[in-house]
Amino acid sequence: MKVVLIKDFEGYGVFGEVINVKDGFARNYLIPRGIALPATEGNLKHVKSILLQKERKLRREKEKAQELAKKLEGLMVKVLRRVGERGKLFGSVTSQEIAQALQEKGFEVDRKRIMLKNPIREVGIYTVTLKLHPEVTVDIKVDVKPEE
């Protein structure tokens, strides 16, 4: 029996894929659990329309990320921290603090998208990568200064 998967199913395929399975497996397992639908013309059209919607959504998200990357390119944000002797920070600058500094400049970036290679523990200027989308990254400068 031919069925179209409406969920990713390990070992068999991914969403939208048409697979051929035994009749009993399809009727007793895949269809009742909402993993697949019979591969009728109507079901195939429905799944195809969902795939097109997902593709358009991903394309829009990528375009938004590219626009934000253009605005963020070359941006420098300042982070003020308490400093001990020899320019060492108490603790380190976190992605949350960088996200807050970006928000003060008017940019909404999730802290999970800020990629810190190493913790920032000293005063100075650092390059930090923002991964706005799986295919869109941008580097910004973070200027860590002592509190007055």
N, C-alpha and C. Protein backbone atom coordinates (compact mmCIF):
# COMPACT_ATOMS: atom_id res chain seq x y z
N MET A 1 0.85 -1.18 0.00
CA MET A 1 0.00 0.00 0.00
C MET A 1 0.89 1.24 0.00
N LYS A 2 0.53 2.18 -0.82
CA LYS A 2 1.28 3.42 -0.88
C LYS A 2 0.67 4.42 0.10
N VAL A 3 1.58 5.04 0.92
CA VAL A 3 1.14 6.06 1.88
C VAL A 3 2.07 7.26 1.75
N VAL A 4 1.55 8.42 2.16
CA VAL A 4 2.37 9.63 2.19
C VAL A 4 2.59 9.97 3.66
N LEU A 5 3.84 10.18 4.04
CA LEU A 5 4.18 10.47 5.43
C LEU A 5 3.80 11.91 5.77
N ILE A 6 3.14 12.08 6.91
CA ILE A 6 2.81 13.43 7.37
C ILE A 6 3.62 13.79 8.61
N LYS A 7 4.53 12.91 8.99
CA LYS A 7 5.52 13.16 10.04
C LYS A 7 6.79 12.45 9.63
N ASP A 8 7.92 12.95 10.09
CA ASP A 8 9.17 12.24 9.85
C ASP A 8 9.11 10.91 10.61
N PHE A 9 9.50 9.83 9.97
CA PHE A 9 9.44 8.51 10.57
C PHE A 9 10.78 7.83 10.31
N GLU A 10 11.56 7.69 11.37
CA GLU A 10 12.91 7.18 11.25
C GLU A 10 12.93 5.79 10.59
N GLY A 11 13.80 5.64 9.65
CA GLY A 11 13.94 4.37 8.96
C GLY A 11 13.03 4.23 7.74
N TYR A 12 12.06 5.13 7.60
CA TYR A 12 11.12 5.04 6.47
C TYR A 12 11.16 6.28 5.58
N GLY A 13 11.27 7.47 6.18
CA GLY A 13 11.30 8.66 5.35
C GLY A 13 10.94 9.91 6.13
N VAL A 14 10.79 11.00 5.40
CA VAL A 14 10.51 12.30 6.00
C VAL A 14 9.16 12.81 5.51
N PHE A 15 8.71 13.90 6.09
CA PHE A 15 7.42 14.50 5.76
C PHE A 15 7.28 14.68 4.24
N GLY A 16 6.14 14.26 3.71
CA GLY A 16 5.84 14.46 2.30
C GLY A 16 6.32 13.34 1.39
N GLU A 17 7.07 12.42 1.91
CA GLU A 17 7.60 11.34 1.09
C GLU A 17 6.55 10.24 0.91
N VAL A 18 6.45 9.71 -0.29
CA VAL A 18 5.51 8.61 -0.57
C VAL A 18 6.31 7.32 -0.48
N ILE A 19 5.82 6.41 0.40
CA ILE A 19 6.51 5.14 0.59
C ILE A 19 5.53 4.00 0.36
N ASN A 20 6.07 2.83 0.08
CA ASN A 20 5.27 1.63 -0.13
C ASN A 20 5.49 0.71 1.06
N VAL A 21 4.42 0.41 1.82
CA VAL A 21 4.52 -0.47 2.99
C VAL A 21 3.44 -1.53 2.89
N LYS A 22 3.53 -2.53 3.77
CA LYS A 22 2.51 -3.59 3.80
C LYS A 22 1.18 -2.99 4.26
N ASP A 23 0.09 -3.55 3.74
CA ASP A 23 -1.26 -3.03 4.04
C ASP A 23 -1.54 -2.99 5.53
N GLY A 24 -1.24 -4.06 6.24
CA GLY A 24 -1.52 -4.13 7.67
C GLY A 24 -0.75 -3.10 8.47
N PHE A 25 0.53 -2.88 8.11
CA PHE A 25 1.36 -1.89 8.80
C PHE A 25 0.78 -0.49 8.60
N ALA A 26 0.31 -0.20 7.41
CA ALA A 26 -0.28 1.10 7.13
C ALA A 26 -1.59 1.27 7.88
N ARG A 27 -2.50 0.29 7.76
CA ARG A 27 -3.84 0.40 8.37
C ARG A 27 -3.80 0.34 9.90
N ASN A 28 -2.92 -0.49 10.47
CA ASN A 28 -2.93 -0.72 11.91
C ASN A 28 -1.93 0.14 12.69
N TYR A 29 -0.94 0.70 12.03
CA TYR A 29 0.08 1.46 12.76
C TYR A 29 0.23 2.88 12.25
N LEU A 30 0.60 3.05 10.99
CA LEU A 30 0.94 4.38 10.47
C LEU A 30 -0.26 5.33 10.43
N ILE A 31 -1.37 4.90 9.88
CA ILE A 31 -2.54 5.77 9.73
C ILE A 31 -3.19 6.09 11.09
N PRO A 32 -3.43 5.12 11.98
CA PRO A 32 -4.06 5.45 13.27
C PRO A 32 -3.20 6.37 14.15
N ARG A 33 -1.89 6.29 14.04
CA ARG A 33 -1.00 7.12 14.86
C ARG A 33 -0.74 8.49 14.23
N GLY A 34 -1.31 8.75 13.10
CA GLY A 34 -1.15 10.05 12.46
C GLY A 34 0.22 10.25 11.83
N ILE A 35 0.86 9.17 11.46
CA ILE A 35 2.19 9.25 10.85
C ILE A 35 2.07 9.34 9.33
N ALA A 36 1.03 8.75 8.78
CA ALA A 36 0.87 8.71 7.32
C ALA A 36 -0.60 8.78 6.95
N LEU A 37 -0.83 9.08 5.67
CA LEU A 37 -2.16 9.07 5.08
C LEU A 37 -2.10 8.22 3.81
N PRO A 38 -3.21 7.63 3.42
CA PRO A 38 -3.20 6.90 2.14
C PRO A 38 -2.78 7.85 1.00
N ALA A 39 -2.04 7.35 0.06
CA ALA A 39 -1.50 8.19 -1.02
C ALA A 39 -2.55 8.44 -2.09
N THR A 40 -3.65 9.07 -1.70
CA THR A 40 -4.67 9.43 -2.68
C THR A 40 -4.30 10.76 -3.31
N GLU A 41 -4.95 11.09 -4.40
CA GLU A 41 -4.65 12.34 -5.10
C GLU A 41 -4.88 13.56 -4.20
N GLY A 42 -5.98 13.54 -3.45
CA GLY A 42 -6.30 14.65 -2.54
C GLY A 42 -5.28 14.81 -1.43
N ASN A 43 -4.87 13.69 -0.82
CA ASN A 43 -3.87 13.75 0.25
C ASN A 43 -2.51 14.22 -0.26
N LEU A 44 -2.15 13.80 -1.47
CA LEU A 44 -0.87 14.23 -2.05
C LEU A 44 -0.88 15.74 -2.30
N LYS A 45 -2.01 16.28 -2.80
CA LYS A 45 -2.12 17.72 -3.03
C LYS A 45 -2.03 18.47 -1.71
N HIS A 46 -2.70 17.95 -0.68
CA HIS A 46 -2.68 18.59 0.63
C HIS A 46 -1.27 18.67 1.19
N VAL A 47 -0.55 17.57 1.14
CA VAL A 47 0.82 17.53 1.66
C VAL A 47 1.72 18.45 0.83
N LYS A 48 1.52 18.47 -0.49
CA LYS A 48 2.33 19.33 -1.35
C LYS A 48 2.10 20.81 -1.01
N SER A 49 0.84 21.18 -0.72
CA SER A 49 0.56 22.58 -0.36
C SER A 49 1.22 22.95 0.98
N ILE A 50 1.23 22.01 1.92
CA ILE A 50 1.91 22.26 3.21
C ILE A 50 3.40 22.45 3.00
N LEU A 51 4.01 21.63 2.14
CA LEU A 51 5.44 21.76 1.84
C LEU A 51 5.75 23.12 1.21
N LEU A 52 4.89 23.58 0.30
CA LEU A 52 5.09 24.88 -0.33
C LEU A 52 4.99 26.00 0.70
N GLN A 53 4.04 25.90 1.63
CA GLN A 53 3.90 26.91 2.68
C GLN A 53 5.14 26.96 3.56
N LYS A 54 5.65 25.79 3.94
CA LYS A 54 6.86 25.74 4.75
C LYS A 54 8.05 26.35 4.01
N GLU A 55 8.16 26.06 2.74
CA GLU A 55 9.25 26.60 1.93
C GLU A 55 9.18 28.12 1.86
N ARG A 56 7.97 28.67 1.64
CA ARG A 56 7.81 30.12 1.60
C ARG A 56 8.16 30.75 2.94
N LYS A 57 7.75 30.11 4.04
CA LYS A 57 8.04 30.62 5.37
C LYS A 57 9.55 30.65 5.62
N LEU A 58 10.23 29.57 5.25
CA LEU A 58 11.69 29.52 5.42
C LEU A 58 12.38 30.60 4.59
N ARG A 59 11.88 30.82 3.38
CA ARG A 59 12.46 31.84 2.51
C ARG A 59 12.29 33.23 3.13
N ARG A 60 11.09 33.50 3.69
CA ARG A 60 10.83 34.80 4.34
C ARG A 60 11.74 34.99 5.55
N GLU A 61 11.90 33.94 6.34
CA GLU A 61 12.77 34.03 7.52
C GLU A 61 14.21 34.31 7.11
N LYS A 62 14.66 33.69 6.03
CA LYS A 62 16.02 33.91 5.56
C LYS A 62 16.18 35.35 5.07
N GLU A 63 15.18 35.87 4.36
CA GLU A 63 15.25 37.25 3.87
C GLU A 63 15.29 38.23 5.03
N LYS A 64 14.47 37.99 6.07
CA LYS A 64 14.49 38.86 7.26
C LYS A 64 15.86 38.82 7.93
N ALA A 65 16.44 37.62 8.03
CA ALA A 65 17.75 37.47 8.65
C ALA A 65 18.82 38.20 7.83
N GLN A 66 18.73 38.16 6.50
CA GLN A 66 19.69 38.87 5.66
C GLN A 66 19.56 40.38 5.82
N GLU A 67 18.33 40.88 5.93
CA GLU A 67 18.13 42.31 6.15
C GLU A 67 18.72 42.75 7.48
N LEU A 68 18.47 41.97 8.53
CA LEU A 68 19.00 42.28 9.85
C LEU A 68 20.52 42.22 9.83
N ALA A 69 21.09 41.26 9.11
CA ALA A 69 22.54 41.13 9.02
C ALA A 69 23.16 42.37 8.37
N LYS A 70 22.49 42.92 7.35
CA LYS A 70 23.00 44.13 6.71
C LYS A 70 23.02 45.30 7.68
N LYS A 71 21.98 45.40 8.51
CA LYS A 71 21.90 46.48 9.49
C LYS A 71 22.94 46.31 10.60
N LEU A 72 23.20 45.06 10.98
CA LEU A 72 24.12 44.79 12.09
C LEU A 72 25.59 44.82 11.67
N GLU A 73 25.85 44.71 10.38
CA GLU A 73 27.22 44.62 9.90
C GLU A 73 28.03 45.85 10.33
N GLY A 74 29.16 45.60 10.99
CA GLY A 74 30.03 46.68 11.42
C GLY A 74 29.57 47.38 12.69
N LEU A 75 28.54 46.90 13.34
CA LEU A 75 28.00 47.51 14.55
C LEU A 75 28.92 47.22 15.73
N MET A 76 29.05 48.22 16.62
CA MET A 76 29.81 48.02 17.85
C MET A 76 28.89 48.34 19.02
N VAL A 77 28.82 47.41 19.98
CA VAL A 77 28.03 47.64 21.19
C VAL A 77 28.98 47.70 22.39
N LYS A 78 28.60 48.51 23.39
CA LYS A 78 29.42 48.64 24.59
C LYS A 78 28.77 47.88 25.73
N VAL A 79 29.60 47.19 26.50
CA VAL A 79 29.15 46.49 27.69
C VAL A 79 30.02 46.98 28.84
N LEU A 80 29.37 47.52 29.87
CA LEU A 80 30.08 48.00 31.04
C LEU A 80 30.05 46.94 32.13
N ARG A 81 31.23 46.63 32.70
CA ARG A 81 31.34 45.60 33.74
C ARG A 81 32.27 46.05 34.84
N ARG A 82 32.07 45.48 36.03
CA ARG A 82 33.00 45.74 37.13
C ARG A 82 34.32 45.05 36.81
N VAL A 83 35.40 45.77 37.12
CA VAL A 83 36.72 45.26 36.75
C VAL A 83 37.61 45.23 37.99
N GLY A 84 38.39 44.18 38.09
CA GLY A 84 39.37 44.06 39.17
C GLY A 84 40.72 44.56 38.70
N GLU A 85 41.75 44.05 39.33
CA GLU A 85 43.11 44.46 38.97
C GLU A 85 43.49 43.96 37.58
N ARG A 86 44.34 44.70 36.90
CA ARG A 86 44.88 44.34 35.57
C ARG A 86 43.80 44.11 34.51
N GLY A 87 42.66 44.77 34.61
CA GLY A 87 41.64 44.69 33.58
C GLY A 87 40.85 43.40 33.54
N LYS A 88 40.96 42.59 34.58
CA LYS A 88 40.19 41.34 34.64
C LYS A 88 38.78 41.64 35.12
N LEU A 89 37.80 41.01 34.49
CA LEU A 89 36.41 41.20 34.87
C LEU A 89 36.04 40.29 36.03
N PHE A 90 35.06 40.74 36.81
CA PHE A 90 34.45 39.85 37.80
C PHE A 90 33.44 39.00 37.03
N GLY A 91 33.75 37.74 36.82
CA GLY A 91 32.91 36.90 35.98
C GLY A 91 33.27 37.07 34.53
N SER A 92 32.28 36.91 33.65
CA SER A 92 32.54 37.09 32.22
C SER A 92 31.31 37.71 31.58
N VAL A 93 31.51 38.26 30.38
CA VAL A 93 30.40 38.85 29.63
C VAL A 93 29.62 37.70 28.99
N THR A 94 28.32 37.69 29.23
CA THR A 94 27.49 36.60 28.73
C THR A 94 26.75 37.01 27.45
N SER A 95 26.20 36.03 26.78
CA SER A 95 25.42 36.31 25.58
C SER A 95 24.17 37.12 25.94
N GLN A 96 23.64 36.93 27.14
CA GLN A 96 22.48 37.69 27.60
C GLN A 96 22.81 39.19 27.66
N GLU A 97 23.98 39.53 28.16
CA GLU A 97 24.39 40.93 28.25
C GLU A 97 24.60 41.54 26.86
N ILE A 98 25.12 40.75 25.95
CA ILE A 98 25.31 41.24 24.57
C ILE A 98 23.95 41.45 23.92
N ALA A 99 23.02 40.53 24.15
CA ALA A 99 21.66 40.67 23.60
C ALA A 99 20.99 41.91 24.16
N GLN A 100 21.22 42.21 25.44
CA GLN A 100 20.65 43.40 26.06
C GLN A 100 21.24 44.67 25.45
N ALA A 101 22.56 44.66 25.20
CA ALA A 101 23.21 45.81 24.57
C ALA A 101 22.67 46.03 23.16
N LEU A 102 22.43 44.95 22.43
CA LEU A 102 21.85 45.06 21.09
C LEU A 102 20.42 45.60 21.17
N GLN A 103 19.67 45.17 22.17
CA GLN A 103 18.30 45.63 22.33
C GLN A 103 18.27 47.14 22.62
N GLU A 104 19.23 47.62 23.39
CA GLU A 104 19.32 49.06 23.67
C GLU A 104 19.58 49.85 22.39
N LYS A 105 20.26 49.22 21.43
CA LYS A 105 20.51 49.87 20.14
C LYS A 105 19.33 49.71 19.18
N GLY A 106 18.32 48.94 19.60
CA GLY A 106 17.12 48.78 18.77
C GLY A 106 17.08 47.51 17.94
N PHE A 107 17.93 46.54 18.25
CA PHE A 107 17.95 45.28 17.51
C PHE A 107 17.52 44.14 18.42
N GLU A 108 16.53 43.38 17.97
CA GLU A 108 16.01 42.26 18.76
C GLU A 108 16.69 40.98 18.28
N VAL A 109 17.66 40.48 19.07
CA VAL A 109 18.39 39.26 18.73
C VAL A 109 18.31 38.32 19.92
N ASP A 110 17.90 37.09 19.68
CA ASP A 110 17.81 36.09 20.74
C ASP A 110 19.21 35.74 21.21
N ARG A 111 19.38 35.61 22.51
CA ARG A 111 20.71 35.33 23.08
C ARG A 111 21.26 33.99 22.60
N LYS A 112 20.40 33.06 22.21
CA LYS A 112 20.85 31.76 21.73
C LYS A 112 21.52 31.87 20.37
N ARG A 113 21.32 32.98 19.69
CA ARG A 113 21.91 33.17 18.37
C ARG A 113 23.29 33.83 18.44
N ILE A 114 23.73 34.18 19.65
CA ILE A 114 25.03 34.81 19.84
C ILE A 114 26.05 33.72 20.14
N MET A 115 27.04 33.59 19.25
CA MET A 115 28.02 32.53 19.37
C MET A 115 29.32 33.08 19.97
N LEU A 116 29.56 32.78 21.23
CA LEU A 116 30.80 33.17 21.89
C LEU A 116 31.77 32.00 21.83
N LYS A 117 32.90 32.19 21.14
CA LYS A 117 33.87 31.11 21.01
C LYS A 117 34.52 30.84 22.36
N ASN A 118 34.93 31.92 23.01
CA ASN A 118 35.55 31.84 24.33
C ASN A 118 34.88 32.87 25.23
N PRO A 119 34.83 32.61 26.55
CA PRO A 119 34.24 33.61 27.43
C PRO A 119 35.05 34.91 27.42
N ILE A 120 34.34 36.03 27.50
CA ILE A 120 35.02 37.33 27.52
C ILE A 120 35.27 37.68 28.97
N ARG A 121 36.55 37.72 29.37
CA ARG A 121 36.90 37.92 30.77
C ARG A 121 37.81 39.11 31.01
N GLU A 122 38.12 39.85 29.95
CA GLU A 122 38.99 41.01 30.09
C GLU A 122 38.41 42.19 29.34
N VAL A 123 38.88 43.39 29.73
CA VAL A 123 38.47 44.61 29.05
C VAL A 123 39.08 44.59 27.65
N GLY A 124 38.33 45.07 26.65
CA GLY A 124 38.85 45.13 25.29
C GLY A 124 37.74 45.07 24.27
N ILE A 125 38.15 44.99 23.01
CA ILE A 125 37.19 44.89 21.90
C ILE A 125 37.27 43.48 21.34
N TYR A 126 36.10 42.86 21.21
CA TYR A 126 36.02 41.48 20.76
C TYR A 126 35.08 41.38 19.57
N THR A 127 35.36 40.41 18.68
CA THR A 127 34.47 40.12 17.57
C THR A 127 33.60 38.93 17.96
N VAL A 128 32.28 39.14 17.84
CA VAL A 128 31.32 38.10 18.21
C VAL A 128 30.47 37.78 16.99
N THR A 129 30.22 36.50 16.74
CA THR A 129 29.42 36.06 15.61
C THR A 129 27.97 35.87 16.04
N LEU A 130 27.05 36.40 15.22
CA LEU A 130 25.63 36.19 15.42
C LEU A 130 25.14 35.27 14.32
N LYS A 131 24.52 34.15 14.70
CA LYS A 131 23.97 33.22 13.72
C LYS A 131 22.48 33.48 13.64
N LEU A 132 22.07 34.33 12.72
CA LEU A 132 20.69 34.77 12.60
C LEU A 132 19.80 33.74 11.93
N HIS A 133 20.39 32.88 11.13
CA HIS A 133 19.68 31.86 10.36
C HIS A 133 20.72 30.80 10.05
N PRO A 134 20.33 29.56 9.80
CA PRO A 134 21.35 28.55 9.49
C PRO A 134 22.29 28.93 8.35
N GLU A 135 21.84 29.81 7.46
CA GLU A 135 22.67 30.21 6.32
C GLU A 135 23.14 31.66 6.41
N VAL A 136 22.78 32.39 7.50
CA VAL A 136 23.12 33.82 7.61
C VAL A 136 23.82 34.07 8.93
N THR A 137 25.08 34.53 8.84
CA THR A 137 25.82 34.94 10.03
C THR A 137 26.39 36.33 9.81
N VAL A 138 26.63 37.03 10.92
CA VAL A 138 27.20 38.37 10.85
C VAL A 138 28.09 38.56 12.07
N ASP A 139 29.18 39.30 11.90
CA ASP A 139 30.09 39.60 13.00
C ASP A 139 29.84 41.02 13.49
N ILE A 140 29.82 41.18 14.82
CA ILE A 140 29.73 42.51 15.41
C ILE A 140 30.88 42.66 16.39
N LYS A 141 31.15 43.88 16.78
CA LYS A 141 32.20 44.17 17.75
C LYS A 141 31.56 44.43 19.12
N VAL A 142 32.15 43.89 20.15
CA VAL A 142 31.70 44.13 21.53
C VAL A 142 32.85 44.81 22.26
N ASP A 143 32.57 46.02 22.72
CA ASP A 143 33.57 46.81 23.45
C ASP A 143 33.28 46.69 24.93
N VAL A 144 34.14 45.96 25.65
CA VAL A 144 33.96 45.76 27.07
C VAL A 144 34.79 46.82 27.79
N LYS A 145 34.08 47.64 28.59
CA LYS A 145 34.73 48.74 29.30
C LYS A 145 34.45 48.63 30.80
N PRO A 146 35.32 49.18 31.62
CA PRO A 146 35.08 49.14 33.07
C PRO A 146 33.99 50.15 33.46
N GLU A 147 33.22 49.76 34.51
CA GLU A 147 32.22 50.68 35.04
C GLU A 147 32.94 51.83 35.74
N GLU A 148 32.35 52.98 35.71
CA GLU A 148 32.95 54.16 36.34
C GLU A 148 32.53 54.23 37.78
